[in-house]
C-alpha atoms as a PDB file:
ATOM      1  CA  UNK A   1      41.603 -65.578-180.213  1.00  0.00           C
ATOM      2  CA  UNK A   2      42.953 -66.866-183.500  1.00  0.00           C
ATOM      3  CA  UNK A   3      40.598 -65.784-186.267  1.00  0.00           C
ATOM      4  CA  UNK A   4      41.680 -68.548-188.610  1.00  0.00           C
ATOM      5  CA  UNK A   5      39.119 -71.344-188.626  1.00  0.00           C
ATOM      6  CA  UNK A   6      40.496 -74.850-189.027  1.00  0.00           C
ATOM      7  CA  UNK A   7      38.608 -77.763-190.521  1.00  0.00           C
ATOM      8  CA  UNK A   8      38.207 -81.066-188.687  1.00  0.00           C
ATOM      9  CA  UNK A   9      40.814 -82.595-190.991  1.00  0.00           C
ATOM     10  CA  UNK A  10      43.278 -79.818-190.180  1.00  0.00           C
ATOM     11  CA  UNK A  11      42.623 -80.290-186.438  1.00  0.00           C
ATOM     12  CA  UNK A  12      43.332 -84.003-186.743  1.00  0.00           C
ATOM     13  CA  UNK A  13      46.504 -83.276-188.702  1.00  0.00           C
ATOM     14  CA  UNK A  14      47.630 -80.820-186.033  1.00  0.00           C
ATOM     15  CA  UNK A  15      46.869 -83.346-183.285  1.00  0.00           C
ATOM     16  CA  UNK A  16      48.811 -86.021-185.152  1.00  0.00           C
ATOM     17  CA  UNK A  17      51.819 -83.695-185.449  1.00  0.00           C
ATOM     18  CA  UNK A  18      51.730 -82.930-181.710  1.00  0.00           C
ATOM     19  CA  UNK A  19      51.495 -86.621-180.812  1.00  0.00           C
ATOM     20  CA  UNK A  20      54.440 -87.484-183.061  1.00  0.00           C
ATOM     21  CA  UNK A  21      56.555 -84.798-181.371  1.00  0.00           C
ATOM     22  CA  UNK A  22      55.706 -86.184-177.930  1.00  0.00           C
ATOM     23  CA  UNK A  23      56.375 -89.755-179.057  1.00  0.00           C
ATOM     24  CA  UNK A  24      59.742 -88.872-180.602  1.00  0.00           C
ATOM     25  CA  UNK A  25      60.815 -87.016-177.467  1.00  0.00           C
ATOM     26  CA  UNK A  26      59.684 -89.914-175.288  1.00  0.00           C
ATOM     27  CA  UNK A  27      61.671 -92.417-177.357  1.00  0.00           C
ATOM     28  CA  UNK A  28      64.739 -90.162-177.154  1.00  0.00           C
ATOM     29  CA  UNK A  29      64.293 -89.775-173.403  1.00  0.00           C
ATOM     30  CA  UNK A  30      63.835 -93.534-173.039  1.00  0.00           C
ATOM     31  CA  UNK A  31      67.092 -94.228-174.865  1.00  0.00           C
ATOM     32  CA  UNK A  32      68.894 -91.647-172.708  1.00  0.00           C
ATOM     33  CA  UNK A  33      67.384 -93.063-169.505  1.00  0.00           C
ATOM     34  CA  UNK A  34      68.984 -96.448-170.201  1.00  0.00           C
ATOM     35  CA  UNK A  35      72.362 -94.844-169.499  1.00  0.00           C
ATOM     36  CA  UNK A  36      71.550 -93.702-165.950  1.00  0.00           C
ATOM     37  CA  UNK A  37      68.579 -95.817-164.795  1.00  0.00           C
ATOM     38  CA  UNK A  38      70.978 -98.184-163.036  1.00  0.00           C
ATOM     39  CA  UNK A  39      72.555 -95.249-161.157  1.00  0.00           C
ATOM     40  CA  UNK A  40      69.104 -94.197-159.918  1.00  0.00           C
ATOM     41  CA  UNK A  41      68.329 -97.756-158.774  1.00  0.00           C
ATOM     42  CA  UNK A  42      71.646 -98.093-156.937  1.00  0.00           C
ATOM     43  CA  UNK A  43      71.154 -94.687-155.304  1.00  0.00           C
ATOM     44  CA  UNK A  44      67.675 -95.646-154.056  1.00  0.00           C
ATOM     45  CA  UNK A  45      69.109 -98.849-152.592  1.00  0.00           C
ATOM     46  CA  UNK A  46      71.569 -96.803-150.534  1.00  0.00           C
ATOM     47  CA  UNK A  47      68.891 -94.814-148.710  1.00  0.00           C
ATOM     48  CA  UNK A  48      68.243 -95.389-145.014  1.00  0.00           C
ATOM     49  CA  UNK A  49      64.913 -97.119-145.684  1.00  0.00           C
ATOM     50  CA  UNK A  50      66.359 -99.534-148.242  1.00  0.00           C
ATOM     51  CA  UNK A  51      69.355-100.403-146.059  1.00  0.00           C
ATOM     52  CA  UNK A  52      66.992-101.751-143.414  1.00  0.00           C
ATOM     53  CA  UNK A  53      65.982-104.461-145.879  1.00  0.00           C
ATOM     54  CA  UNK A  54      67.785-107.212-147.743  1.00  0.00           C
ATOM     55  CA  UNK A  55      66.977-107.066-151.436  1.00  0.00           C
ATOM     56  CA  UNK A  56      66.407-110.352-153.222  1.00  0.00           C
ATOM     57  CA  UNK A  57      65.677-111.341-156.794  1.00  0.00           C
ATOM     58  CA  UNK A  58      63.118-114.152-156.758  1.00  0.00           C
ATOM     59  CA  UNK A  59      63.139-114.460-160.546  1.00  0.00           C
ATOM     60  CA  UNK A  60      65.997-114.371-163.021  1.00  0.00           C
ATOM     61  CA  UNK A  61      64.235-111.546-164.871  1.00  0.00           C
ATOM     62  CA  UNK A  62      63.629-109.318-161.803  1.00  0.00           C
ATOM     63  CA  UNK A  63      66.750-107.101-162.238  1.00  0.00           C
ATOM     64  CA  UNK A  64      66.058-106.322-165.889  1.00  0.00           C
ATOM     65  CA  UNK A  65      62.362-105.805-165.114  1.00  0.00           C
ATOM     66  CA  UNK A  66      63.245-103.196-162.480  1.00  0.00           C
ATOM     67  CA  UNK A  67      65.778-101.635-164.853  1.00  0.00           C
ATOM     68  CA  UNK A  68      63.252-101.228-167.691  1.00  0.00           C
ATOM     69  CA  UNK A  69      60.570-100.051-165.278  1.00  0.00           C
ATOM     70  CA  UNK A  70      62.766 -97.221-164.030  1.00  0.00           C
ATOM     71  CA  UNK A  71      63.902 -96.325-167.536  1.00  0.00           C
ATOM     72  CA  UNK A  72      60.262 -95.995-168.571  1.00  0.00           C
ATOM     73  CA  UNK A  73      59.340 -93.897-165.512  1.00  0.00           C
ATOM     74  CA  UNK A  74      62.331 -91.579-165.997  1.00  0.00           C
ATOM     75  CA  UNK A  75      61.460 -91.125-169.679  1.00  0.00           C
ATOM     76  CA  UNK A  76      57.818 -90.400-168.813  1.00  0.00           C
ATOM     77  CA  UNK A  77      58.808 -87.770-166.236  1.00  0.00           C
ATOM     78  CA  UNK A  78      61.254 -86.119-168.660  1.00  0.00           C
ATOM     79  CA  UNK A  79      58.603 -86.122-171.389  1.00  0.00           C
ATOM     80  CA  UNK A  80      55.860 -84.615-169.213  1.00  0.00           C
ATOM     81  CA  UNK A  81      56.828 -80.952-169.880  1.00  0.00           C
ATOM     82  CA  UNK A  82      56.874 -81.622-173.623  1.00  0.00           C
ATOM     83  CA  UNK A  83      53.475 -83.312-173.434  1.00  0.00           C
ATOM     84  CA  UNK A  84      51.992 -80.413-171.457  1.00  0.00           C
ATOM     85  CA  UNK A  85      53.426 -77.871-173.897  1.00  0.00           C
ATOM     86  CA  UNK A  86      52.075 -79.741-176.916  1.00  0.00           C
ATOM     87  CA  UNK A  87      48.627 -79.885-175.306  1.00  0.00           C
ATOM     88  CA  UNK A  88      48.836 -76.139-174.737  1.00  0.00           C
ATOM     89  CA  UNK A  89      50.040 -75.526-178.304  1.00  0.00           C
ATOM     90  CA  UNK A  90      47.119 -77.563-179.654  1.00  0.00           C
ATOM     91  CA  UNK A  91      44.407 -75.676-177.732  1.00  0.00           C
ATOM     92  CA  UNK A  92      46.027 -72.207-177.662  1.00  0.00           C
ATOM     93  CA  UNK A  93      44.775 -71.080-181.117  1.00  0.00           C
ATOM     94  CA  UNK A  94      41.254 -71.128-179.666  1.00  0.00           C
ATOM     95  CA  UNK A  95      42.218 -68.900-176.738  1.00  0.00           C
ATOM     96  CA  UNK A  96      42.552 -65.158-176.356  1.00  0.00           C
ATOM     97  CA  UNK A  97      46.054 -63.721-176.021  1.00  0.00           C
ATOM     98  CA  UNK A  98      45.698 -63.181-172.268  1.00  0.00           C
ATOM     99  CA  UNK A  99      44.348 -66.720-171.831  1.00  0.00           C
ATOM    100  CA  UNK A 100      47.292 -68.133-173.774  1.00  0.00           C
ATOM    101  CA  UNK A 101      49.766 -66.458-171.418  1.00  0.00           C
ATOM    102  CA  UNK A 102      47.874 -67.608-168.334  1.00  0.00           C
ATOM    103  CA  UNK A 103      47.501 -71.219-169.438  1.00  0.00           C
ATOM    104  CA  UNK A 104      51.156 -71.367-170.515  1.00  0.00           C
ATOM    105  CA  UNK A 105      52.107 -70.580-166.910  1.00  0.00           C
ATOM    106  CA  UNK A 106      50.250 -73.742-165.858  1.00  0.00           C
ATOM    107  CA  UNK A 107      53.087 -75.888-167.241  1.00  0.00           C
ATOM    108  CA  UNK A 108      55.907 -74.877-164.817  1.00  0.00           C
ATOM    109  CA  UNK A 109      53.364 -74.762-161.979  1.00  0.00           C
ATOM    110  CA  UNK A 110      52.223 -78.302-162.812  1.00  0.00           C
ATOM    111  CA  UNK A 111      55.806 -79.592-162.919  1.00  0.00           C
ATOM    112  CA  UNK A 112      56.579 -77.888-159.605  1.00  0.00           C
ATOM    113  CA  UNK A 113      53.515 -79.401-157.904  1.00  0.00           C
ATOM    114  CA  UNK A 114      54.387 -82.844-159.285  1.00  0.00           C
ATOM    115  CA  UNK A 115      57.883 -82.629-157.815  1.00  0.00           C
ATOM    116  CA  UNK A 116      56.502 -81.392-154.488  1.00  0.00           C
ATOM    117  CA  UNK A 117      54.047 -84.294-154.359  1.00  0.00           C
ATOM    118  CA  UNK A 118      56.697 -86.876-155.213  1.00  0.00           C
ATOM    119  CA  UNK A 119      59.126 -85.318-152.735  1.00  0.00           C
ATOM    120  CA  UNK A 120      56.557 -85.355-149.942  1.00  0.00           C
ATOM    121  CA  UNK A 121      55.645 -88.995-150.597  1.00  0.00           C
ATOM    122  CA  UNK A 122      59.274 -90.144-150.810  1.00  0.00           C
ATOM    123  CA  UNK A 123      60.913 -88.139-148.029  1.00  0.00           C
ATOM    124  CA  UNK A 124      58.026 -87.967-145.539  1.00  0.00           C
ATOM    125  CA  UNK A 125      55.443 -90.694-146.140  1.00  0.00           C
ATOM    126  CA  UNK A 126      57.578 -93.551-147.454  1.00  0.00           C
ATOM    127  CA  UNK A 127      59.892 -93.734-144.382  1.00  0.00           C
ATOM    128  CA  UNK A 128      56.821 -93.933-142.112  1.00  0.00           C
ATOM    129  CA  UNK A 129      55.349 -96.731-144.193  1.00  0.00           C
ATOM    130  CA  UNK A 130      58.596 -98.728-144.211  1.00  0.00           C
ATOM    131  CA  UNK A 131      59.007 -98.236-140.472  1.00  0.00           C
ATOM    132  CA  UNK A 132      55.439 -99.370-139.843  1.00  0.00           C
ATOM    133  CA  UNK A 133      55.882-102.485-141.990  1.00  0.00           C
ATOM    134  CA  UNK A 134      59.137-103.405-140.223  1.00  0.00           C
ATOM    135  CA  UNK A 135      57.616-102.914-136.778  1.00  0.00           C
ATOM    136  CA  UNK A 136      54.606-105.004-137.726  1.00  0.00           C
ATOM    137  CA  UNK A 137      56.843-107.800-139.034  1.00  0.00           C
ATOM    138  CA  UNK A 138      58.859-107.734-135.804  1.00  0.00           C
ATOM    139  CA  UNK A 139      55.712-107.933-133.666  1.00  0.00           C
ATOM    140  CA  UNK A 140      54.485-110.890-135.678  1.00  0.00           C
ATOM    141  CA  UNK A 141      57.965-112.502-135.576  1.00  0.00           C
ATOM    142  CA  UNK A 142      58.168-112.562-139.365  1.00  0.00           C
ATOM    143  CA  UNK A 143      61.512-112.793-141.123  1.00  0.00           C
ATOM    144  CA  UNK A 144      61.207-110.581-144.169  1.00  0.00           C
ATOM    145  CA  UNK A 145      62.671-111.505-147.542  1.00  0.00           C
ATOM    146  CA  UNK A 146      62.061-108.507-149.752  1.00  0.00           C
ATOM    147  CA  UNK A 147      62.021-108.945-153.508  1.00  0.00           C
ATOM    148  CA  UNK A 148      63.732-106.062-155.301  1.00  0.00           C
ATOM    149  CA  UNK A 149      60.948-106.023-157.891  1.00  0.00           C
ATOM    150  CA  UNK A 150      58.240-105.871-155.212  1.00  0.00           C
ATOM    151  CA  UNK A 151      60.137-103.196-153.259  1.00  0.00           C
ATOM    152  CA  UNK A 152      60.484-100.810-156.174  1.00  0.00           C
ATOM    153  CA  UNK A 153      56.968-101.476-157.407  1.00  0.00           C
ATOM    154  CA  UNK A 154      55.662-100.557-153.959  1.00  0.00           C
ATOM    155  CA  UNK A 155      57.858 -97.440-153.940  1.00  0.00           C
ATOM    156  CA  UNK A 156      56.641 -96.254-157.338  1.00  0.00           C
ATOM    157  CA  UNK A 157      52.991 -97.063-156.639  1.00  0.00           C
ATOM    158  CA  UNK A 158      53.169 -95.048-153.430  1.00  0.00           C
ATOM    159  CA  UNK A 159      55.206 -92.083-154.635  1.00  0.00           C
ATOM    160  CA  UNK A 160      54.066 -91.363-158.199  1.00  0.00           C
ATOM    161  CA  UNK A 161      50.317 -91.000-157.430  1.00  0.00           C
ATOM    162  CA  UNK A 162      51.131 -88.130-155.089  1.00  0.00           C
ATOM    163  CA  UNK A 163      52.647 -86.229-157.987  1.00  0.00           C
ATOM    164  CA  UNK A 164      49.296 -86.607-159.737  1.00  0.00           C
ATOM    165  CA  UNK A 165      47.200 -85.795-156.641  1.00  0.00           C
ATOM    166  CA  UNK A 166      49.183 -82.592-156.146  1.00  0.00           C
ATOM    167  CA  UNK A 167      47.901 -81.380-159.537  1.00  0.00           C
ATOM    168  CA  UNK A 168      44.559 -80.600-157.866  1.00  0.00           C
ATOM    169  CA  UNK A 169      45.038 -76.781-157.755  1.00  0.00           C
ATOM    170  CA  UNK A 170      45.960 -76.685-161.456  1.00  0.00           C
ATOM    171  CA  UNK A 171      42.967 -78.842-162.428  1.00  0.00           C
ATOM    172  CA  UNK A 172      40.605 -76.746-160.294  1.00  0.00           C
ATOM    173  CA  UNK A 173      41.929 -73.506-161.774  1.00  0.00           C
ATOM    174  CA  UNK A 174      41.604 -74.873-165.312  1.00  0.00           C
ATOM    175  CA  UNK A 175      37.995 -75.979-164.837  1.00  0.00           C
ATOM    176  CA  UNK A 176      37.181 -72.710-163.075  1.00  0.00           C
ATOM    177  CA  UNK A 177      38.480 -70.691-166.028  1.00  0.00           C
ATOM    178  CA  UNK A 178      36.327 -72.861-168.297  1.00  0.00           C
ATOM    179  CA  UNK A 179      33.313 -72.097-166.113  1.00  0.00           C
ATOM    180  CA  UNK A 180      32.672 -75.744-165.237  1.00  0.00           C
ATOM    181  CA  UNK A 181      33.093 -75.245-161.478  1.00  0.00           C
ATOM    182  CA  UNK A 182      32.902 -72.284-159.110  1.00  0.00           C
ATOM    183  CA  UNK A 183      34.467 -71.495-155.725  1.00  0.00           C
ATOM    184  CA  UNK A 184      30.978 -71.591-154.233  1.00  0.00           C
ATOM    185  CA  UNK A 185      30.580 -75.191-155.401  1.00  0.00           C
ATOM    186  CA  UNK A 186      33.917 -76.176-153.852  1.00  0.00           C
ATOM    187  CA  UNK A 187      32.893 -74.605-150.540  1.00  0.00           C
ATOM    188  CA  UNK A 188      29.486 -76.279-150.657  1.00  0.00           C
ATOM    189  CA  UNK A 189      30.925 -79.779-151.181  1.00  0.00           C
ATOM    190  CA  UNK A 190      33.839 -79.261-148.763  1.00  0.00           C
ATOM    191  CA  UNK A 191      32.667 -81.861-146.214  1.00  0.00           C
ATOM    192  CA  UNK A 192      32.188 -84.465-148.951  1.00  0.00           C
ATOM    193  CA  UNK A 193      35.598 -83.605-150.377  1.00  0.00           C
ATOM    194  CA  UNK A 194      37.183 -84.102-146.960  1.00  0.00           C
ATOM    195  CA  UNK A 195      35.499 -87.499-146.687  1.00  0.00           C
ATOM    196  CA  UNK A 196      36.842 -88.458-150.114  1.00  0.00           C
ATOM    197  CA  UNK A 197      40.331 -87.263-149.128  1.00  0.00           C
ATOM    198  CA  UNK A 198      40.139 -89.265-145.897  1.00  0.00           C
ATOM    199  CA  UNK A 199      39.226 -92.395-147.851  1.00  0.00           C
ATOM    200  CA  UNK A 200      42.096 -91.691-150.255  1.00  0.00           C
ATOM    201  CA  UNK A 201      44.529 -91.245-147.357  1.00  0.00           C
ATOM    202  CA  UNK A 202      43.366 -94.527-145.814  1.00  0.00           C
ATOM    203  CA  UNK A 203      43.680 -96.321-149.147  1.00  0.00           C
ATOM    204  CA  UNK A 204      47.277 -95.293-149.877  1.00  0.00           C
ATOM    205  CA  UNK A 205      48.693 -95.670-146.371  1.00  0.00           C
ATOM    206  CA  UNK A 206      48.956 -98.581-143.931  1.00  0.00           C
ATOM    207  CA  UNK A 207      46.425 -98.774-141.069  1.00  0.00           C
ATOM    208  CA  UNK A 208      48.514 -96.372-139.036  1.00  0.00           C
ATOM    209  CA  UNK A 209      46.723 -93.270-137.740  1.00  0.00           C
ATOM    210  CA  UNK A 210      49.886 -91.159-137.743  1.00  0.00           C
ATOM    211  CA  UNK A 211      50.636 -91.944-141.404  1.00  0.00           C
ATOM    212  CA  UNK A 212      47.060 -91.136-142.380  1.00  0.00           C
ATOM    213  CA  UNK A 213      47.232 -87.805-140.529  1.00  0.00           C
ATOM    214  CA  UNK A 214      50.509 -87.002-142.292  1.00  0.00           C
ATOM    215  CA  UNK A 215      48.799 -87.609-145.632  1.00  0.00           C
ATOM    216  CA  UNK A 216      45.594 -85.765-144.744  1.00  0.00           C
ATOM    217  CA  UNK A 217      47.420 -82.544-143.808  1.00  0.00           C
ATOM    218  CA  UNK A 218      48.805 -81.775-147.314  1.00  0.00           C
ATOM    219  CA  UNK A 219      45.633 -83.072-148.999  1.00  0.00           C
ATOM    220  CA  UNK A 220      43.536 -80.711-146.884  1.00  0.00           C
ATOM    221  CA  UNK A 221      45.882 -77.818-147.610  1.00  0.00           C
ATOM    222  CA  UNK A 222      45.685 -78.664-151.308  1.00  0.00           C
ATOM    223  CA  UNK A 223      41.893 -78.540-151.276  1.00  0.00           C
ATOM    224  CA  UNK A 224      41.749 -75.279-149.324  1.00  0.00           C
ATOM    225  CA  UNK A 225      44.428 -73.829-151.582  1.00  0.00           C
ATOM    226  CA  UNK A 226      42.390 -74.937-154.595  1.00  0.00           C
ATOM    227  CA  UNK A 227      39.371 -73.007-153.277  1.00  0.00           C
ATOM    228  CA  UNK A 228      41.512 -69.888-152.879  1.00  0.00           C
ATOM    229  CA  UNK A 229      42.987 -70.322-156.371  1.00  0.00           C
ATOM    230  CA  UNK A 230      39.515 -70.946-157.806  1.00  0.00           C
ATOM    231  CA  UNK A 231      38.288 -67.629-156.352  1.00  0.00           C
ATOM    232  CA  UNK A 232      41.105 -65.792-158.122  1.00  0.00           C
ATOM    233  CA  UNK A 233      40.507 -67.633-161.395  1.00  0.00           C
ATOM    234  CA  UNK A 234      36.744 -67.078-161.125  1.00  0.00           C
ATOM    235  CA  UNK A 235      37.138 -63.334-160.643  1.00  0.00           C
ATOM    236  CA  UNK A 236      39.506 -63.103-163.600  1.00  0.00           C
ATOM    237  CA  UNK A 237      37.153 -65.139-165.782  1.00  0.00           C
ATOM    238  CA  UNK A 238      34.255 -62.839-164.877  1.00  0.00           C
ATOM    239  CA  UNK A 239      36.314 -59.722-165.642  1.00  0.00           C
ATOM    240  CA  UNK A 240      37.351 -61.186-168.994  1.00  0.00           C
ATOM    241  CA  UNK A 241      33.717 -61.970-169.825  1.00  0.00           C
ATOM    242  CA  UNK A 242      32.633 -58.438-168.868  1.00  0.00           C
ATOM    243  CA  UNK A 243      35.381 -56.909-171.027  1.00  0.00           C
ATOM    244  CA  UNK A 244      34.416 -59.120-173.947  1.00  0.00           C
ATOM    245  CA  UNK A 245      30.737 -58.183-173.677  1.00  0.00           C
ATOM    246  CA  UNK A 246      31.544 -54.467-173.506  1.00  0.00           C
ATOM    247  CA  UNK A 247      33.687 -54.519-176.641  1.00  0.00           C
END
């Protein structure tokens, strides 16, 4: 642990410096994203799911709205590693050397889990949702006119939350190392957690049992994996506490 004590004013100054770094990187990433956001949009329109639909702009401002929306999302994703590192750099002086190394490893793990969550939602869940919506429209004899703004908003609202949900193991490990939760607690509330996950799966998918099952499988694996990770983190936290008390 860093022996140098910082005043509240120095902490605020350090926090301000970290926030400025993140903001500057985000602005830079936003400017850069303007040069290839249109390529991303065109690519997404060439996928099998998008080709089943006819994209329409119902407002004159819809194309530029979609363009800016994707530029912002791309910049936010590119800035996420910098944000996570600056958070780590801000709290690391209060950690022991071993804790600093462990928590630093959370950053690539968090990015990896985010990409896995987004990939699962886009390549597995999203096609099922689009297929379900098309089949429902056909059964109801509805001629669909899809707005490009509505299409991409639906895509982002479905896909991006999964990148956040897939952070569950990292969050559990972090709180376990802080001593706020234990593996025993996670086991004890397992049935309530499953109920919450089932409600979440029902909320983010259409009323299609197959889609909900597809969502529940990774969510269940995430929770069980979080329990396993929490056990490892809990044991390491106990060993660290025992070593500290013996010194």
